[in-house]
Amino acid sequence: MGGRFTNLEYARVLQEGKVINAKKASGLWIPASAKTRQLMRQYNAWTPGRLIMALRDAGYAGYKKGKKFVVYKKGRELKSGKRGKRGEEIDLFIIKSSVEIKARPFLYIDDKDETFLMKLVQDGVMKALGGKS
């Protein structure tokens, strides 16, 4: 017995798996690390655009570096002690055109459960129609 057991889209994706493609944006901006999530909480910015704007206001600058978006603190000293154009970089987002979420089924009905449920439904229908179960 397959199919849907919930109407929540993310639940169905977890149950059955899915390839998610970028729709409007240039790609899917996936947080690169726990540091990104920490910054999202710190600046109360839950989208890539809002986080980047909040970091700009806090003195960071950013740019695309291959398939990543990185930020750095302007005028910050490097670990080597040298003052460079860019401080230490933080990988903020990984940019992908699509991602595959593998199925991780959490809803399961075996044959015994299915038989029990069918009997329950049949008994309910018979009772509603005035017959014996």
N, C-alpha and C. Protein backbone atom coordinates (compact mmCIF):
# COMPACT_ATOMS: atom_id res chain seq x y z
N MET A 1 0.86 -1.18 0.00
CA MET A 1 0.00 0.00 0.00
C MET A 1 0.90 1.23 0.00
N GLY A 2 0.92 1.99 -1.06
CA GLY A 2 1.77 3.18 -1.14
C GLY A 2 0.92 4.42 -1.13
N GLY A 3 1.51 5.52 -1.50
CA GLY A 3 0.75 6.75 -1.62
C GLY A 3 1.00 7.70 -0.48
N ARG A 4 0.08 8.63 -0.35
CA ARG A 4 0.23 9.70 0.62
C ARG A 4 -0.47 9.37 1.93
N PHE A 5 0.14 9.70 3.02
CA PHE A 5 -0.47 9.55 4.33
C PHE A 5 -0.52 10.90 5.03
N THR A 6 0.02 11.92 4.42
CA THR A 6 0.01 13.27 4.98
C THR A 6 -0.02 14.26 3.82
N ASN A 7 -0.56 15.44 4.05
CA ASN A 7 -0.62 16.43 2.99
C ASN A 7 0.51 17.46 3.06
N LEU A 8 1.47 17.26 3.93
CA LEU A 8 2.60 18.17 4.04
C LEU A 8 3.64 17.82 2.98
N GLU A 9 4.01 18.78 2.13
CA GLU A 9 4.91 18.51 1.01
C GLU A 9 6.25 17.98 1.48
N TYR A 10 6.82 18.57 2.53
CA TYR A 10 8.13 18.10 2.97
C TYR A 10 8.07 16.68 3.50
N ALA A 11 6.95 16.28 4.07
CA ALA A 11 6.80 14.90 4.56
C ALA A 11 6.81 13.93 3.38
N ARG A 12 6.13 14.30 2.32
CA ARG A 12 6.11 13.45 1.13
C ARG A 12 7.51 13.34 0.52
N VAL A 13 8.23 14.44 0.50
CA VAL A 13 9.60 14.41 -0.03
C VAL A 13 10.46 13.47 0.81
N LEU A 14 10.34 13.52 2.13
CA LEU A 14 11.11 12.61 2.98
C LEU A 14 10.68 11.15 2.76
N GLN A 15 9.40 10.92 2.61
CA GLN A 15 8.89 9.56 2.44
C GLN A 15 9.32 8.96 1.10
N GLU A 16 9.18 9.75 0.01
CA GLU A 16 9.37 9.20 -1.33
C GLU A 16 10.66 9.64 -2.01
N GLY A 17 11.29 10.70 -1.52
CA GLY A 17 12.47 11.25 -2.18
C GLY A 17 12.05 12.18 -3.31
N LYS A 18 12.97 13.03 -3.77
CA LYS A 18 12.63 13.97 -4.83
C LYS A 18 13.88 14.71 -5.28
N VAL A 19 13.90 15.10 -6.55
CA VAL A 19 14.93 15.99 -7.05
C VAL A 19 14.32 17.39 -7.04
N ILE A 20 14.99 18.32 -6.38
CA ILE A 20 14.50 19.69 -6.29
C ILE A 20 15.38 20.55 -7.18
N ASN A 21 14.74 21.26 -8.12
CA ASN A 21 15.44 22.12 -9.06
C ASN A 21 15.20 23.58 -8.71
N ALA A 22 16.17 24.43 -9.03
CA ALA A 22 16.01 25.86 -8.82
C ALA A 22 14.93 26.36 -9.77
N LYS A 23 14.03 27.18 -9.27
CA LYS A 23 12.94 27.70 -10.11
C LYS A 23 13.27 29.07 -10.66
N LYS A 24 13.30 30.06 -9.80
CA LYS A 24 13.49 31.44 -10.25
C LYS A 24 14.93 31.91 -10.10
N ALA A 25 15.58 31.51 -9.05
CA ALA A 25 16.93 32.01 -8.75
C ALA A 25 17.97 31.35 -9.67
N SER A 26 19.17 31.83 -9.59
CA SER A 26 20.27 31.27 -10.39
C SER A 26 20.65 29.88 -9.89
N GLY A 27 20.18 29.52 -8.73
CA GLY A 27 20.47 28.22 -8.16
C GLY A 27 19.88 28.11 -6.77
N LEU A 28 20.03 26.94 -6.18
CA LEU A 28 19.62 26.73 -4.80
C LEU A 28 20.77 27.13 -3.90
N TRP A 29 20.52 28.00 -2.96
CA TRP A 29 21.57 28.47 -2.06
C TRP A 29 21.45 27.68 -0.77
N ILE A 30 22.36 26.74 -0.59
CA ILE A 30 22.32 25.81 0.53
C ILE A 30 23.33 26.27 1.58
N PRO A 31 22.91 26.40 2.84
CA PRO A 31 23.87 26.80 3.88
C PRO A 31 25.08 25.87 3.88
N ALA A 32 26.27 26.46 3.88
CA ALA A 32 27.51 25.69 3.73
C ALA A 32 27.95 25.01 5.02
N SER A 33 27.52 25.53 6.16
CA SER A 33 27.98 24.94 7.42
C SER A 33 27.10 25.40 8.57
N ALA A 34 27.42 24.90 9.74
CA ALA A 34 26.72 25.32 10.96
C ALA A 34 26.96 26.81 11.22
N LYS A 35 28.09 27.33 10.78
CA LYS A 35 28.40 28.75 10.94
C LYS A 35 27.35 29.60 10.23
N THR A 36 26.90 29.16 9.04
CA THR A 36 25.87 29.90 8.31
C THR A 36 24.58 29.93 9.12
N ARG A 37 24.18 28.78 9.66
CA ARG A 37 22.96 28.72 10.47
C ARG A 37 23.09 29.60 11.72
N GLN A 38 24.28 29.61 12.31
CA GLN A 38 24.53 30.44 13.48
C GLN A 38 24.34 31.92 13.12
N LEU A 39 24.89 32.33 11.97
CA LEU A 39 24.75 33.71 11.53
C LEU A 39 23.29 34.05 11.21
N MET A 40 22.56 33.09 10.65
CA MET A 40 21.14 33.31 10.35
C MET A 40 20.36 33.59 11.64
N ARG A 41 20.67 32.82 12.69
CA ARG A 41 20.02 33.05 13.98
C ARG A 41 20.46 34.38 14.59
N GLN A 42 21.75 34.65 14.54
CA GLN A 42 22.31 35.86 15.13
C GLN A 42 21.70 37.12 14.52
N TYR A 43 21.54 37.13 13.19
CA TYR A 43 21.03 38.30 12.49
C TYR A 43 19.54 38.20 12.17
N ASN A 44 18.89 37.12 12.66
CA ASN A 44 17.46 36.90 12.40
C ASN A 44 17.15 37.06 10.92
N ALA A 45 17.96 36.44 10.10
CA ALA A 45 17.84 36.52 8.64
C ALA A 45 17.71 35.11 8.09
N TRP A 46 16.52 34.75 7.61
CA TRP A 46 16.24 33.35 7.27
C TRP A 46 16.26 33.06 5.78
N THR A 47 16.66 34.03 4.96
CA THR A 47 16.86 33.79 3.53
C THR A 47 18.28 34.23 3.18
N PRO A 48 18.84 33.68 2.10
CA PRO A 48 20.19 34.09 1.72
C PRO A 48 20.31 35.60 1.51
N GLY A 49 19.36 36.19 0.82
CA GLY A 49 19.41 37.63 0.55
C GLY A 49 19.42 38.47 1.82
N ARG A 50 18.56 38.09 2.77
CA ARG A 50 18.49 38.86 4.02
C ARG A 50 19.76 38.70 4.85
N LEU A 51 20.33 37.49 4.84
CA LEU A 51 21.57 37.29 5.59
C LEU A 51 22.71 38.10 4.98
N ILE A 52 22.80 38.08 3.67
CA ILE A 52 23.86 38.83 2.99
C ILE A 52 23.73 40.32 3.28
N MET A 53 22.50 40.85 3.23
CA MET A 53 22.29 42.27 3.53
C MET A 53 22.64 42.59 4.98
N ALA A 54 22.26 41.71 5.90
CA ALA A 54 22.58 41.94 7.32
C ALA A 54 24.09 41.92 7.53
N LEU A 55 24.78 41.01 6.87
CA LEU A 55 26.23 40.95 7.01
C LEU A 55 26.90 42.16 6.38
N ARG A 56 26.37 42.66 5.28
CA ARG A 56 26.92 43.89 4.67
C ARG A 56 26.81 45.04 5.66
N ASP A 57 25.64 45.13 6.30
CA ASP A 57 25.44 46.20 7.29
C ASP A 57 26.40 46.05 8.47
N ALA A 58 26.84 44.82 8.74
CA ALA A 58 27.75 44.57 9.86
C ALA A 58 29.23 44.67 9.44
N GLY A 59 29.48 45.11 8.21
CA GLY A 59 30.86 45.33 7.78
C GLY A 59 31.49 44.19 7.01
N TYR A 60 30.69 43.27 6.52
CA TYR A 60 31.20 42.17 5.70
C TYR A 60 31.00 42.49 4.23
N ALA A 61 31.79 41.86 3.42
CA ALA A 61 31.60 41.91 1.96
C ALA A 61 31.60 40.48 1.47
N GLY A 62 31.00 40.25 0.32
CA GLY A 62 30.92 38.88 -0.18
C GLY A 62 31.00 38.82 -1.68
N TYR A 63 31.24 37.64 -2.19
CA TYR A 63 31.32 37.43 -3.62
C TYR A 63 31.17 35.94 -3.92
N LYS A 64 30.83 35.64 -5.18
CA LYS A 64 30.76 34.25 -5.61
C LYS A 64 32.17 33.75 -5.91
N LYS A 65 32.45 32.56 -5.43
CA LYS A 65 33.76 31.93 -5.64
C LYS A 65 33.47 30.53 -6.16
N GLY A 66 33.43 30.39 -7.48
CA GLY A 66 33.04 29.12 -8.08
C GLY A 66 31.58 28.85 -7.79
N LYS A 67 31.32 27.74 -7.14
CA LYS A 67 29.94 27.35 -6.80
C LYS A 67 29.61 27.67 -5.34
N LYS A 68 30.36 28.62 -4.76
CA LYS A 68 30.13 29.02 -3.37
C LYS A 68 29.95 30.53 -3.30
N PHE A 69 29.29 30.97 -2.25
CA PHE A 69 29.23 32.38 -1.93
C PHE A 69 29.94 32.55 -0.60
N VAL A 70 30.97 33.38 -0.58
CA VAL A 70 31.78 33.57 0.63
C VAL A 70 31.69 35.02 1.09
N VAL A 71 31.90 35.22 2.38
CA VAL A 71 31.95 36.57 2.94
C VAL A 71 33.25 36.72 3.72
N TYR A 72 33.63 37.96 3.93
CA TYR A 72 34.82 38.26 4.73
C TYR A 72 34.59 39.60 5.41
N LYS A 73 35.23 39.79 6.55
CA LYS A 73 35.13 41.05 7.29
C LYS A 73 36.08 42.04 6.66
N LYS A 74 35.58 43.17 6.26
CA LYS A 74 36.42 44.19 5.61
C LYS A 74 37.48 44.70 6.57
N GLY A 75 38.73 44.81 6.08
CA GLY A 75 39.81 45.38 6.86
C GLY A 75 40.29 44.54 8.01
N ARG A 76 39.90 43.31 8.08
CA ARG A 76 40.30 42.44 9.18
C ARG A 76 41.68 41.86 8.92
N GLU A 77 42.43 41.68 9.97
CA GLU A 77 43.76 41.11 9.81
C GLU A 77 43.66 39.62 9.52
N LEU A 78 44.55 39.14 8.68
CA LEU A 78 44.61 37.71 8.37
C LEU A 78 45.31 36.97 9.50
N LYS A 79 45.18 35.66 9.53
CA LYS A 79 45.84 34.85 10.57
C LYS A 79 47.35 35.06 10.56
N SER A 80 47.88 35.35 9.39
CA SER A 80 49.33 35.55 9.29
C SER A 80 49.77 36.87 9.92
N GLY A 81 48.81 37.69 10.32
CA GLY A 81 49.15 38.98 10.92
C GLY A 81 49.20 40.09 9.89
N LYS A 82 49.17 39.73 8.60
CA LYS A 82 49.20 40.75 7.55
C LYS A 82 47.80 41.32 7.36
N ARG A 83 47.77 42.58 7.08
CA ARG A 83 46.48 43.22 6.81
C ARG A 83 46.27 43.16 5.30
N GLY A 84 45.24 42.49 4.90
CA GLY A 84 45.02 42.33 3.46
C GLY A 84 43.72 42.98 3.04
N LYS A 85 43.47 42.90 1.74
CA LYS A 85 42.24 43.45 1.19
C LYS A 85 41.05 42.67 1.76
N ARG A 86 41.26 41.37 1.92
CA ARG A 86 40.20 40.53 2.47
C ARG A 86 40.66 39.89 3.76
N GLY A 87 39.75 39.83 4.71
CA GLY A 87 40.03 39.11 5.94
C GLY A 87 39.79 37.63 5.72
N GLU A 88 39.66 36.90 6.79
CA GLU A 88 39.41 35.47 6.70
C GLU A 88 38.03 35.22 6.10
N GLU A 89 37.99 34.36 5.09
CA GLU A 89 36.74 34.10 4.40
C GLU A 89 35.90 33.04 5.12
N ILE A 90 34.59 33.22 5.03
CA ILE A 90 33.63 32.25 5.57
C ILE A 90 32.79 31.76 4.41
N ASP A 91 32.81 30.44 4.17
CA ASP A 91 31.92 29.87 3.16
C ASP A 91 30.51 29.98 3.70
N LEU A 92 29.67 30.72 3.00
CA LEU A 92 28.32 30.98 3.50
C LEU A 92 27.30 30.04 2.85
N PHE A 93 27.30 29.98 1.53
CA PHE A 93 26.34 29.15 0.81
C PHE A 93 27.02 28.37 -0.30
N ILE A 94 26.49 27.19 -0.58
CA ILE A 94 26.88 26.40 -1.73
C ILE A 94 25.74 26.56 -2.73
N ILE A 95 26.07 26.86 -3.97
CA ILE A 95 25.05 27.12 -4.98
C ILE A 95 24.98 25.93 -5.93
N LYS A 96 23.79 25.33 -6.02
CA LYS A 96 23.59 24.17 -6.89
C LYS A 96 22.36 24.40 -7.74
N SER A 97 22.35 23.80 -8.94
CA SER A 97 21.17 23.93 -9.80
C SER A 97 20.07 22.98 -9.35
N SER A 98 20.44 21.87 -8.70
CA SER A 98 19.44 20.93 -8.19
C SER A 98 20.07 20.08 -7.09
N VAL A 99 19.22 19.51 -6.27
CA VAL A 99 19.67 18.57 -5.24
C VAL A 99 18.72 17.38 -5.23
N GLU A 100 19.27 16.22 -4.93
CA GLU A 100 18.45 15.02 -4.80
C GLU A 100 18.32 14.68 -3.33
N ILE A 101 17.08 14.60 -2.89
CA ILE A 101 16.82 14.18 -1.52
C ILE A 101 16.39 12.73 -1.59
N LYS A 102 17.17 11.87 -1.01
CA LYS A 102 16.88 10.44 -1.05
C LYS A 102 15.72 10.11 -0.12
N ALA A 103 14.96 9.09 -0.49
CA ALA A 103 13.81 8.67 0.30
C ALA A 103 14.27 8.16 1.67
N ARG A 104 13.58 8.62 2.70
CA ARG A 104 13.80 8.14 4.06
C ARG A 104 12.44 7.81 4.66
N PRO A 105 11.85 6.70 4.22
CA PRO A 105 10.49 6.37 4.63
C PRO A 105 10.33 6.30 6.15
N PHE A 106 9.28 6.92 6.61
CA PHE A 106 8.97 6.88 8.04
C PHE A 106 7.54 6.41 8.27
N LEU A 107 6.74 6.35 7.20
CA LEU A 107 5.38 5.83 7.29
C LEU A 107 5.37 4.45 6.65
N TYR A 108 4.93 3.46 7.39
CA TYR A 108 4.98 2.10 6.86
C TYR A 108 3.77 1.32 7.36
N ILE A 109 3.11 0.64 6.44
CA ILE A 109 1.99 -0.24 6.79
C ILE A 109 2.29 -1.60 6.18
N ASP A 110 2.42 -2.61 7.03
CA ASP A 110 2.68 -3.95 6.50
C ASP A 110 1.35 -4.64 6.18
N ASP A 111 1.41 -5.86 5.66
CA ASP A 111 0.21 -6.58 5.23
C ASP A 111 -0.77 -6.80 6.38
N LYS A 112 -0.25 -7.10 7.56
CA LYS A 112 -1.10 -7.33 8.73
C LYS A 112 -1.87 -6.05 9.09
N ASP A 113 -1.16 -4.89 9.09
CA ASP A 113 -1.80 -3.61 9.37
C ASP A 113 -2.86 -3.28 8.32
N GLU A 114 -2.54 -3.55 7.05
CA GLU A 114 -3.47 -3.25 5.97
C GLU A 114 -4.75 -4.09 6.11
N THR A 115 -4.59 -5.37 6.44
CA THR A 115 -5.75 -6.24 6.63
C THR A 115 -6.62 -5.72 7.78
N PHE A 116 -6.00 -5.35 8.88
CA PHE A 116 -6.73 -4.82 10.03
C PHE A 116 -7.50 -3.55 9.66
N LEU A 117 -6.83 -2.63 8.94
CA LEU A 117 -7.47 -1.37 8.56
C LEU A 117 -8.62 -1.60 7.59
N MET A 118 -8.45 -2.49 6.62
CA MET A 118 -9.52 -2.80 5.67
C MET A 118 -10.73 -3.38 6.40
N LYS A 119 -10.51 -4.27 7.36
CA LYS A 119 -11.59 -4.87 8.14
C LYS A 119 -12.30 -3.78 8.95
N LEU A 120 -11.55 -2.86 9.52
CA LEU A 120 -12.12 -1.76 10.28
C LEU A 120 -13.02 -0.90 9.41
N VAL A 121 -12.55 -0.57 8.21
CA VAL A 121 -13.34 0.23 7.27
C VAL A 121 -14.59 -0.53 6.84
N GLN A 122 -14.43 -1.80 6.49
CA GLN A 122 -15.59 -2.61 6.06
C GLN A 122 -16.63 -2.69 7.17
N ASP A 123 -16.20 -2.92 8.40
CA ASP A 123 -17.13 -2.98 9.52
C ASP A 123 -17.86 -1.65 9.70
N GLY A 124 -17.15 -0.57 9.55
CA GLY A 124 -17.75 0.76 9.68
C GLY A 124 -18.78 1.02 8.58
N VAL A 125 -18.48 0.62 7.36
CA VAL A 125 -19.41 0.79 6.24
C VAL A 125 -20.65 -0.05 6.46
N MET A 126 -20.44 -1.29 6.85
CA MET A 126 -21.58 -2.20 7.08
C MET A 126 -22.48 -1.64 8.20
N LYS A 127 -21.87 -1.13 9.24
CA LYS A 127 -22.65 -0.57 10.36
C LYS A 127 -23.43 0.64 9.90
N ALA A 128 -22.80 1.49 9.08
CA ALA A 128 -23.45 2.69 8.57
C ALA A 128 -24.61 2.34 7.65
N LEU A 129 -24.50 1.24 6.91
CA LEU A 129 -25.56 0.82 5.99
C LEU A 129 -26.64 0.00 6.69
N GLY A 130 -26.45 -0.27 7.98
CA GLY A 130 -27.45 -0.99 8.76
C GLY A 130 -27.28 -2.49 8.72
N GLY A 131 -26.19 -2.97 8.21
CA GLY A 131 -25.92 -4.40 8.17
C GLY A 131 -25.14 -4.84 9.37
N LYS A 132 -24.90 -6.11 9.44
CA LYS A 132 -24.11 -6.67 10.55
C LYS A 132 -22.65 -6.71 10.14
N SER A 133 -21.79 -6.59 11.11
CA SER A 133 -20.36 -6.69 10.82
C SER A 133 -19.84 -8.07 11.13
